[in-house]
N, C-alpha and C. Protein backbone atom coordinates (compact mmCIF):
# COMPACT_ATOMS: atom_id res chain seq x y z
N MET A 1 -15.76 -22.64 -3.59
CA MET A 1 -14.89 -21.48 -3.55
C MET A 1 -15.62 -20.25 -4.08
N GLU A 2 -16.19 -20.31 -5.27
CA GLU A 2 -16.82 -19.16 -5.87
C GLU A 2 -18.19 -18.85 -5.30
N LYS A 3 -18.75 -19.76 -4.51
CA LYS A 3 -20.10 -19.59 -3.99
C LYS A 3 -20.24 -18.29 -3.18
N GLU A 4 -19.36 -18.06 -2.23
CA GLU A 4 -19.41 -16.85 -1.40
C GLU A 4 -19.15 -15.61 -2.25
N LEU A 5 -18.24 -15.70 -3.18
CA LEU A 5 -17.93 -14.59 -4.07
C LEU A 5 -19.17 -14.18 -4.88
N LYS A 6 -19.87 -15.16 -5.41
CA LYS A 6 -21.07 -14.85 -6.19
C LYS A 6 -22.17 -14.27 -5.31
N ARG A 7 -22.24 -14.71 -4.06
CA ARG A 7 -23.29 -14.24 -3.17
C ARG A 7 -23.03 -12.83 -2.64
N THR A 8 -21.77 -12.53 -2.26
CA THR A 8 -21.46 -11.26 -1.60
C THR A 8 -20.60 -10.31 -2.44
N GLY A 9 -19.91 -10.84 -3.44
CA GLY A 9 -18.97 -10.03 -4.20
C GLY A 9 -17.61 -9.92 -3.52
N VAL A 10 -17.46 -10.59 -2.38
CA VAL A 10 -16.21 -10.52 -1.61
C VAL A 10 -15.58 -11.91 -1.58
N PRO A 11 -14.32 -12.03 -2.01
CA PRO A 11 -13.67 -13.35 -1.96
C PRO A 11 -13.45 -13.80 -0.52
N ASP A 12 -13.53 -15.11 -0.29
CA ASP A 12 -13.24 -15.63 1.04
C ASP A 12 -11.75 -15.98 1.13
N ASN A 13 -11.32 -16.45 2.28
CA ASN A 13 -9.89 -16.73 2.49
C ASN A 13 -9.35 -17.77 1.52
N ARG A 14 -10.16 -18.76 1.17
CA ARG A 14 -9.69 -19.78 0.22
C ARG A 14 -9.48 -19.16 -1.16
N ASP A 15 -10.37 -18.26 -1.56
CA ASP A 15 -10.19 -17.56 -2.84
C ASP A 15 -8.87 -16.79 -2.83
N VAL A 16 -8.67 -16.02 -1.78
CA VAL A 16 -7.46 -15.20 -1.67
C VAL A 16 -6.21 -16.08 -1.62
N ASP A 17 -6.26 -17.14 -0.82
CA ASP A 17 -5.11 -18.06 -0.74
C ASP A 17 -4.73 -18.62 -2.10
N SER A 18 -5.73 -18.84 -2.96
CA SER A 18 -5.47 -19.47 -4.26
C SER A 18 -4.69 -18.56 -5.21
N VAL A 19 -4.63 -17.26 -4.95
CA VAL A 19 -3.93 -16.33 -5.84
C VAL A 19 -2.81 -15.57 -5.15
N TYR A 20 -2.55 -15.87 -3.89
CA TYR A 20 -1.58 -15.10 -3.11
C TYR A 20 -0.21 -15.76 -3.13
N PRO A 21 0.86 -14.98 -3.28
CA PRO A 21 2.21 -15.56 -3.25
C PRO A 21 2.52 -16.15 -1.87
N GLY A 22 3.42 -17.10 -1.85
CA GLY A 22 3.86 -17.69 -0.59
C GLY A 22 4.78 -16.76 0.19
N LYS A 23 5.03 -17.11 1.44
CA LYS A 23 5.86 -16.28 2.32
C LYS A 23 7.26 -16.05 1.75
N GLU A 24 7.82 -17.09 1.14
CA GLU A 24 9.17 -16.96 0.59
C GLU A 24 9.21 -15.90 -0.52
N ARG A 25 8.22 -15.92 -1.42
CA ARG A 25 8.20 -14.92 -2.50
C ARG A 25 7.91 -13.54 -1.96
N LEU A 26 7.02 -13.43 -0.99
CA LEU A 26 6.73 -12.14 -0.38
C LEU A 26 7.97 -11.55 0.28
N ALA A 27 8.81 -12.40 0.84
CA ALA A 27 10.02 -11.94 1.51
C ALA A 27 11.09 -11.45 0.52
N SER A 28 10.93 -11.77 -0.76
CA SER A 28 11.97 -11.40 -1.72
C SER A 28 11.69 -10.09 -2.46
N GLY A 29 10.61 -9.38 -2.11
CA GLY A 29 10.38 -8.07 -2.72
C GLY A 29 8.99 -7.92 -3.30
N ALA A 30 8.78 -6.77 -3.94
CA ALA A 30 7.47 -6.41 -4.49
C ALA A 30 7.00 -7.44 -5.51
N VAL A 31 5.68 -7.72 -5.46
CA VAL A 31 5.10 -8.71 -6.36
C VAL A 31 3.61 -8.40 -6.55
N ALA A 32 3.12 -8.65 -7.76
CA ALA A 32 1.71 -8.43 -8.06
C ALA A 32 0.86 -9.57 -7.53
N VAL A 33 -0.34 -9.23 -7.10
CA VAL A 33 -1.35 -10.21 -6.69
C VAL A 33 -2.55 -9.98 -7.61
N LEU A 34 -2.99 -11.04 -8.27
CA LEU A 34 -4.08 -10.96 -9.23
C LEU A 34 -5.34 -11.57 -8.62
N GLU A 35 -6.20 -10.72 -8.08
CA GLU A 35 -7.43 -11.20 -7.46
C GLU A 35 -8.56 -11.24 -8.49
N CYS A 36 -8.31 -11.94 -9.56
CA CYS A 36 -9.27 -12.11 -10.64
C CYS A 36 -9.83 -13.53 -10.50
N PHE A 37 -11.09 -13.64 -10.11
CA PHE A 37 -11.66 -14.93 -9.75
C PHE A 37 -12.73 -15.43 -10.72
N GLN A 38 -13.11 -14.63 -11.69
CA GLN A 38 -14.17 -15.04 -12.59
C GLN A 38 -13.71 -14.99 -14.04
N ARG A 39 -14.10 -16.00 -14.79
CA ARG A 39 -13.75 -16.08 -16.21
C ARG A 39 -14.58 -15.07 -17.00
N ILE A 40 -13.89 -14.06 -17.50
CA ILE A 40 -14.54 -13.05 -18.34
C ILE A 40 -13.59 -12.75 -19.51
N PRO A 41 -14.10 -12.22 -20.61
CA PRO A 41 -13.22 -11.91 -21.73
C PRO A 41 -12.37 -10.67 -21.44
N CYS A 42 -11.14 -10.90 -21.02
CA CYS A 42 -10.26 -9.81 -20.59
C CYS A 42 -8.83 -10.33 -20.58
N ASN A 43 -7.88 -9.55 -21.09
CA ASN A 43 -6.48 -9.98 -21.01
C ASN A 43 -5.45 -8.84 -20.98
N PRO A 44 -5.83 -7.59 -20.66
CA PRO A 44 -4.83 -6.52 -20.66
C PRO A 44 -3.65 -6.76 -19.73
N CYS A 45 -3.86 -7.48 -18.63
CA CYS A 45 -2.75 -7.74 -17.71
C CYS A 45 -1.64 -8.53 -18.40
N ALA A 46 -2.02 -9.53 -19.18
CA ALA A 46 -1.02 -10.35 -19.86
C ALA A 46 -0.35 -9.61 -21.00
N THR A 47 -1.11 -8.78 -21.71
CA THR A 47 -0.53 -8.10 -22.86
C THR A 47 0.35 -6.91 -22.48
N CYS A 48 0.13 -6.34 -21.27
CA CYS A 48 0.91 -5.15 -20.90
C CYS A 48 2.18 -5.46 -20.10
N CYS A 49 2.30 -6.66 -19.56
CA CYS A 49 3.44 -6.97 -18.68
C CYS A 49 4.75 -7.01 -19.46
N PRO A 50 5.67 -6.08 -19.19
CA PRO A 50 6.93 -6.04 -19.95
C PRO A 50 7.86 -7.21 -19.65
N ARG A 51 7.66 -7.89 -18.54
CA ARG A 51 8.52 -9.01 -18.16
C ARG A 51 7.88 -10.36 -18.51
N LYS A 52 6.68 -10.32 -19.07
CA LYS A 52 5.92 -11.54 -19.40
C LYS A 52 5.70 -12.41 -18.16
N ALA A 53 5.54 -11.74 -17.01
CA ALA A 53 5.28 -12.46 -15.76
C ALA A 53 3.85 -13.00 -15.72
N ILE A 54 2.94 -12.32 -16.39
CA ILE A 54 1.57 -12.81 -16.50
C ILE A 54 1.49 -13.56 -17.82
N LYS A 55 1.23 -14.85 -17.71
CA LYS A 55 1.30 -15.72 -18.88
C LYS A 55 0.23 -15.38 -19.91
N ALA A 56 0.60 -15.55 -21.18
CA ALA A 56 -0.33 -15.31 -22.28
C ALA A 56 -1.52 -16.26 -22.14
N PHE A 57 -2.69 -15.76 -22.49
CA PHE A 57 -3.92 -16.55 -22.39
C PHE A 57 -4.07 -17.44 -23.63
N HIS A 58 -4.55 -18.66 -23.43
CA HIS A 58 -4.92 -19.53 -24.56
C HIS A 58 -6.30 -19.12 -25.06
N ASP A 59 -7.15 -18.69 -24.13
CA ASP A 59 -8.52 -18.26 -24.42
C ASP A 59 -8.71 -16.93 -23.69
N ILE A 60 -9.32 -15.97 -24.31
CA ILE A 60 -9.48 -14.65 -23.68
C ILE A 60 -10.29 -14.70 -22.39
N ASN A 61 -10.99 -15.79 -22.15
CA ASN A 61 -11.76 -15.97 -20.91
C ASN A 61 -10.96 -16.64 -19.80
N ASP A 62 -9.71 -16.99 -20.06
CA ASP A 62 -8.88 -17.65 -19.04
C ASP A 62 -8.66 -16.73 -17.84
N LEU A 63 -8.47 -17.34 -16.69
CA LEU A 63 -8.03 -16.57 -15.52
C LEU A 63 -6.54 -16.31 -15.66
N PRO A 64 -6.07 -15.15 -15.23
CA PRO A 64 -4.63 -14.87 -15.36
C PRO A 64 -3.80 -15.76 -14.44
N ILE A 65 -2.64 -16.12 -14.95
CA ILE A 65 -1.67 -16.90 -14.18
C ILE A 65 -0.36 -16.12 -14.17
N ILE A 66 0.18 -15.93 -12.98
CA ILE A 66 1.41 -15.13 -12.86
C ILE A 66 2.58 -16.00 -12.45
N ASP A 67 3.72 -15.71 -13.03
CA ASP A 67 4.98 -16.32 -12.61
C ASP A 67 5.62 -15.32 -11.65
N TRP A 68 5.44 -15.55 -10.37
CA TRP A 68 5.89 -14.60 -9.36
C TRP A 68 7.39 -14.36 -9.39
N GLU A 69 8.15 -15.30 -9.90
CA GLU A 69 9.60 -15.12 -9.96
C GLU A 69 9.99 -14.10 -11.04
N LYS A 70 9.17 -13.94 -12.06
CA LYS A 70 9.45 -12.95 -13.11
C LYS A 70 8.94 -11.57 -12.73
N CYS A 71 7.99 -11.49 -11.83
CA CYS A 71 7.36 -10.22 -11.47
C CYS A 71 8.28 -9.39 -10.57
N ASN A 72 8.41 -8.10 -10.92
CA ASN A 72 9.22 -7.19 -10.10
C ASN A 72 8.37 -6.14 -9.40
N GLY A 73 7.02 -6.25 -9.50
CA GLY A 73 6.15 -5.30 -8.81
C GLY A 73 6.07 -3.93 -9.44
N CYS A 74 6.31 -3.82 -10.74
CA CYS A 74 6.33 -2.51 -11.41
C CYS A 74 4.98 -1.81 -11.41
N ALA A 75 3.89 -2.55 -11.32
CA ALA A 75 2.51 -2.04 -11.22
C ALA A 75 1.91 -1.61 -12.56
N ILE A 76 2.54 -1.91 -13.66
CA ILE A 76 1.92 -1.61 -14.96
C ILE A 76 0.62 -2.38 -15.10
N CYS A 77 0.59 -3.61 -14.65
CA CYS A 77 -0.64 -4.41 -14.71
C CYS A 77 -1.73 -3.83 -13.82
N VAL A 78 -1.37 -3.21 -12.71
CA VAL A 78 -2.34 -2.60 -11.80
C VAL A 78 -3.12 -1.51 -12.54
N ALA A 79 -2.41 -0.67 -13.25
CA ALA A 79 -3.05 0.43 -13.98
C ALA A 79 -3.83 -0.05 -15.19
N ASN A 80 -3.47 -1.20 -15.75
CA ASN A 80 -4.10 -1.69 -16.97
C ASN A 80 -5.28 -2.63 -16.75
N CYS A 81 -5.52 -3.06 -15.53
CA CYS A 81 -6.62 -3.99 -15.25
C CYS A 81 -7.94 -3.23 -15.18
N PRO A 82 -8.86 -3.44 -16.15
CA PRO A 82 -10.12 -2.72 -16.12
C PRO A 82 -11.02 -3.12 -14.95
N GLY A 83 -10.76 -4.28 -14.36
CA GLY A 83 -11.56 -4.73 -13.22
C GLY A 83 -10.99 -4.32 -11.87
N LEU A 84 -9.88 -3.58 -11.87
CA LEU A 84 -9.21 -3.14 -10.64
C LEU A 84 -8.94 -4.33 -9.71
N ALA A 85 -8.57 -5.45 -10.31
CA ALA A 85 -8.41 -6.70 -9.56
C ALA A 85 -6.96 -7.02 -9.22
N ILE A 86 -6.04 -6.12 -9.52
CA ILE A 86 -4.62 -6.38 -9.30
C ILE A 86 -4.04 -5.32 -8.38
N PHE A 87 -3.19 -5.74 -7.47
CA PHE A 87 -2.42 -4.81 -6.65
C PHE A 87 -1.03 -5.39 -6.45
N VAL A 88 -0.12 -4.57 -5.96
CA VAL A 88 1.25 -5.01 -5.68
C VAL A 88 1.46 -4.90 -4.18
N ILE A 89 2.17 -5.89 -3.63
CA ILE A 89 2.53 -5.86 -2.22
C ILE A 89 4.05 -5.98 -2.09
N ASP A 90 4.61 -5.16 -1.20
CA ASP A 90 6.04 -5.22 -0.90
C ASP A 90 6.19 -5.26 0.61
N GLU A 91 6.41 -6.45 1.14
CA GLU A 91 6.55 -6.61 2.59
C GLU A 91 7.92 -6.18 3.09
N ASN A 92 8.83 -5.84 2.19
CA ASN A 92 10.17 -5.39 2.58
C ASN A 92 10.28 -3.88 2.69
N TYR A 93 9.18 -3.18 2.59
CA TYR A 93 9.20 -1.71 2.59
C TYR A 93 9.87 -1.15 3.84
N SER A 94 9.51 -1.65 5.01
CA SER A 94 10.15 -1.22 6.25
C SER A 94 9.97 -2.34 7.28
N PRO A 95 10.62 -2.25 8.41
CA PRO A 95 10.47 -3.30 9.42
C PRO A 95 9.03 -3.45 9.94
N THR A 96 8.24 -2.37 9.91
CA THR A 96 6.89 -2.44 10.48
C THR A 96 5.77 -2.25 9.45
N GLU A 97 6.12 -1.76 8.25
CA GLU A 97 5.10 -1.47 7.26
C GLU A 97 5.35 -2.23 5.95
N ALA A 98 4.25 -2.50 5.27
CA ALA A 98 4.31 -3.02 3.90
C ALA A 98 3.86 -1.90 2.98
N LEU A 99 4.28 -1.97 1.73
CA LEU A 99 3.86 -1.01 0.73
C LEU A 99 2.89 -1.71 -0.22
N LEU A 100 1.72 -1.12 -0.40
CA LEU A 100 0.74 -1.61 -1.36
C LEU A 100 0.66 -0.62 -2.50
N LYS A 101 0.55 -1.12 -3.71
CA LYS A 101 0.32 -0.28 -4.88
C LYS A 101 -1.08 -0.63 -5.37
N LEU A 102 -2.00 0.33 -5.19
CA LEU A 102 -3.41 0.10 -5.45
C LEU A 102 -3.93 0.98 -6.59
N PRO A 103 -4.86 0.46 -7.41
CA PRO A 103 -5.45 1.29 -8.44
C PRO A 103 -6.39 2.31 -7.83
N TYR A 104 -6.48 3.48 -8.47
CA TYR A 104 -7.35 4.55 -7.94
C TYR A 104 -7.90 5.36 -9.10
N GLU A 105 -9.22 5.45 -9.21
CA GLU A 105 -9.86 6.13 -10.35
C GLU A 105 -10.81 7.24 -9.90
N PHE A 106 -10.51 7.91 -8.82
CA PHE A 106 -11.36 8.98 -8.32
C PHE A 106 -10.59 10.29 -8.30
N VAL A 107 -11.32 11.39 -8.19
CA VAL A 107 -10.71 12.69 -7.97
C VAL A 107 -11.34 13.28 -6.72
N PRO A 108 -10.59 14.00 -5.95
CA PRO A 108 -9.20 14.35 -6.19
C PRO A 108 -8.27 13.17 -5.89
N LEU A 109 -7.11 13.21 -6.51
CA LEU A 109 -6.09 12.22 -6.21
C LEU A 109 -5.49 12.53 -4.84
N PRO A 110 -5.11 11.50 -4.10
CA PRO A 110 -4.39 11.77 -2.86
C PRO A 110 -3.01 12.31 -3.17
N ARG A 111 -2.34 12.81 -2.16
CA ARG A 111 -0.97 13.32 -2.31
C ARG A 111 -0.05 12.59 -1.36
N ALA A 112 1.20 12.52 -1.73
CA ALA A 112 2.20 11.90 -0.86
C ALA A 112 2.14 12.57 0.51
N GLY A 113 2.14 11.76 1.54
CA GLY A 113 2.06 12.25 2.91
C GLY A 113 0.66 12.23 3.49
N ASP A 114 -0.38 12.12 2.65
CA ASP A 114 -1.75 12.06 3.16
C ASP A 114 -1.95 10.83 4.04
N GLU A 115 -2.64 11.01 5.13
CA GLU A 115 -3.07 9.90 5.97
C GLU A 115 -4.48 9.52 5.53
N VAL A 116 -4.71 8.21 5.35
CA VAL A 116 -6.00 7.74 4.83
C VAL A 116 -6.53 6.60 5.69
N LYS A 117 -7.84 6.42 5.64
CA LYS A 117 -8.47 5.26 6.28
C LYS A 117 -8.35 4.10 5.30
N VAL A 118 -7.89 2.95 5.78
CA VAL A 118 -7.74 1.79 4.91
C VAL A 118 -8.90 0.83 5.11
N LEU A 119 -9.32 0.22 3.99
CA LEU A 119 -10.50 -0.64 3.98
C LEU A 119 -10.13 -2.04 3.52
N ASN A 120 -10.90 -3.02 4.01
CA ASN A 120 -10.71 -4.40 3.55
C ASN A 120 -11.54 -4.65 2.30
N ARG A 121 -11.55 -5.87 1.81
CA ARG A 121 -12.27 -6.21 0.58
C ARG A 121 -13.77 -5.98 0.70
N ALA A 122 -14.32 -6.01 1.90
CA ALA A 122 -15.76 -5.81 2.11
C ALA A 122 -16.09 -4.33 2.32
N GLY A 123 -15.08 -3.46 2.26
CA GLY A 123 -15.31 -2.03 2.43
C GLY A 123 -15.34 -1.57 3.87
N GLN A 124 -14.91 -2.43 4.79
CA GLN A 124 -14.90 -2.08 6.21
C GLN A 124 -13.56 -1.45 6.58
N GLU A 125 -13.62 -0.41 7.39
CA GLU A 125 -12.40 0.26 7.83
C GLU A 125 -11.62 -0.66 8.77
N VAL A 126 -10.31 -0.81 8.49
CA VAL A 126 -9.48 -1.70 9.31
C VAL A 126 -8.25 -1.01 9.89
N GLY A 127 -8.07 0.27 9.58
CA GLY A 127 -6.90 0.97 10.12
C GLY A 127 -6.61 2.24 9.35
N VAL A 128 -5.35 2.67 9.48
CA VAL A 128 -4.89 3.92 8.85
C VAL A 128 -3.64 3.61 8.04
N GLY A 129 -3.52 4.27 6.90
CA GLY A 129 -2.34 4.14 6.06
C GLY A 129 -1.82 5.51 5.68
N ARG A 130 -0.68 5.51 4.98
CA ARG A 130 -0.04 6.76 4.57
C ARG A 130 0.31 6.67 3.08
N VAL A 131 -0.10 7.68 2.32
CA VAL A 131 0.23 7.72 0.90
C VAL A 131 1.71 8.08 0.77
N VAL A 132 2.44 7.23 0.06
CA VAL A 132 3.87 7.43 -0.15
C VAL A 132 4.13 8.09 -1.50
N ARG A 133 3.35 7.70 -2.51
CA ARG A 133 3.58 8.19 -3.87
C ARG A 133 2.30 7.96 -4.67
N VAL A 134 2.09 8.78 -5.68
CA VAL A 134 0.99 8.58 -6.62
C VAL A 134 1.58 8.59 -8.03
N GLN A 135 1.40 7.49 -8.74
CA GLN A 135 1.82 7.40 -10.14
C GLN A 135 0.60 7.67 -11.00
N ASN A 136 0.71 8.61 -11.93
CA ASN A 136 -0.42 8.92 -12.79
C ASN A 136 0.04 9.44 -14.16
N PRO A 137 0.93 8.70 -14.82
CA PRO A 137 1.37 9.17 -16.14
C PRO A 137 0.26 8.97 -17.18
N PRO A 138 0.31 9.70 -18.29
CA PRO A 138 -0.70 9.54 -19.34
C PRO A 138 -0.83 8.09 -19.82
N SER A 139 0.25 7.33 -19.80
CA SER A 139 0.21 5.94 -20.27
C SER A 139 -0.67 5.05 -19.39
N PHE A 140 -0.98 5.50 -18.18
CA PHE A 140 -1.85 4.71 -17.28
C PHE A 140 -3.33 4.94 -17.59
N ASP A 141 -3.64 5.82 -18.54
CA ASP A 141 -5.00 6.03 -19.03
C ASP A 141 -6.02 6.25 -17.92
N ARG A 142 -5.74 7.21 -17.07
CA ARG A 142 -6.66 7.67 -16.01
C ARG A 142 -6.84 6.71 -14.84
N THR A 143 -6.03 5.68 -14.75
CA THR A 143 -6.03 4.85 -13.54
C THR A 143 -4.71 5.12 -12.83
N ALA A 144 -4.77 5.90 -11.77
CA ALA A 144 -3.57 6.18 -10.99
C ALA A 144 -3.21 4.95 -10.16
N VAL A 145 -1.96 4.85 -9.78
CA VAL A 145 -1.51 3.81 -8.86
C VAL A 145 -1.00 4.51 -7.62
N VAL A 146 -1.67 4.25 -6.50
CA VAL A 146 -1.32 4.89 -5.23
C VAL A 146 -0.48 3.93 -4.41
N HIS A 147 0.71 4.40 -4.01
CA HIS A 147 1.60 3.62 -3.16
C HIS A 147 1.23 3.96 -1.72
N LEU A 148 0.82 2.95 -0.98
CA LEU A 148 0.25 3.15 0.35
C LEU A 148 1.00 2.31 1.38
N ALA A 149 1.55 2.96 2.40
CA ALA A 149 2.21 2.25 3.49
C ALA A 149 1.18 1.90 4.55
N VAL A 150 1.15 0.61 4.93
CA VAL A 150 0.23 0.13 5.96
C VAL A 150 1.01 -0.78 6.91
N LEU A 151 0.48 -0.95 8.10
CA LEU A 151 1.10 -1.90 9.02
C LEU A 151 1.17 -3.27 8.36
N LYS A 152 2.28 -3.99 8.57
CA LYS A 152 2.46 -5.29 7.92
C LYS A 152 1.31 -6.24 8.21
N GLU A 153 0.78 -6.20 9.44
CA GLU A 153 -0.29 -7.14 9.78
C GLU A 153 -1.59 -6.84 9.04
N LEU A 154 -1.69 -5.67 8.40
CA LEU A 154 -2.89 -5.32 7.62
C LEU A 154 -2.69 -5.53 6.12
N ALA A 155 -1.48 -5.79 5.69
CA ALA A 155 -1.16 -5.78 4.26
C ALA A 155 -2.00 -6.76 3.44
N ARG A 156 -2.25 -7.93 3.96
CA ARG A 156 -3.03 -8.93 3.21
C ARG A 156 -4.51 -8.56 3.16
N GLU A 157 -4.95 -7.75 4.09
CA GLU A 157 -6.37 -7.42 4.22
C GLU A 157 -6.76 -6.15 3.46
N VAL A 158 -5.89 -5.16 3.42
CA VAL A 158 -6.21 -3.85 2.84
C VAL A 158 -6.31 -3.93 1.32
N ARG A 159 -7.41 -3.39 0.77
CA ARG A 159 -7.59 -3.35 -0.68
C ARG A 159 -8.05 -2.00 -1.19
N PHE A 160 -8.33 -1.05 -0.30
CA PHE A 160 -8.72 0.28 -0.74
C PHE A 160 -8.54 1.25 0.41
N PHE A 161 -8.87 2.52 0.17
CA PHE A 161 -8.72 3.54 1.21
C PHE A 161 -9.69 4.67 0.95
N ILE A 162 -9.89 5.48 1.99
CA ILE A 162 -10.73 6.67 1.91
C ILE A 162 -9.88 7.86 2.32
N LEU A 163 -9.92 8.88 1.51
CA LEU A 163 -9.21 10.12 1.88
C LEU A 163 -9.84 10.68 3.14
N GLY A 164 -9.03 11.33 3.97
CA GLY A 164 -9.54 11.96 5.16
C GLY A 164 -8.82 11.55 6.43
N GLY A 165 -8.06 10.48 6.35
CA GLY A 165 -7.21 10.11 7.47
C GLY A 165 -7.90 9.59 8.69
N ALA A 166 -7.31 9.87 9.82
CA ALA A 166 -7.75 9.32 11.10
C ALA A 166 -9.08 9.92 11.53
N GLU A 167 -9.71 9.28 12.50
CA GLU A 167 -10.99 9.74 13.05
C GLU A 167 -10.90 11.20 13.46
N GLY A 168 -11.97 11.94 13.20
CA GLY A 168 -12.03 13.33 13.64
C GLY A 168 -11.47 14.32 12.65
N GLU A 169 -10.89 13.85 11.54
CA GLU A 169 -10.35 14.78 10.54
C GLU A 169 -11.39 15.18 9.56
């Protein structure tokens, strides 16, 4: 499982499957996905979750474990993850689009209504998305959370975006 990740830095489908909620949980509303695949000394996700959906670590090197039934998709963990390894997915956003809440640490910040190029985990462009909202309160400590609407069929694949929108802009 970790072999491809160590070689390329990109998780394969088995890696992603191991941390992804099932269809039933995805159908019930927004939920965090923790794409943290390597044991490192880190635990801000568990300490910041107000619902205790991310279980407390026995060892600071533990991989995070989430109780998806407790998670409401608030995205506090997204802003607090120093590895930018957490995002929120809401497949109930609209009949054709899912809403992703992604960490963003660049300037300028996007604005609601911006059209952006969406990228997969390998950094390849896979489509176009629309910025719905940008959360950037002081408590997020310079990691904004961008709410991004994407086609439902791209929701599992999209992990980042580039400002500038569609081709030719």
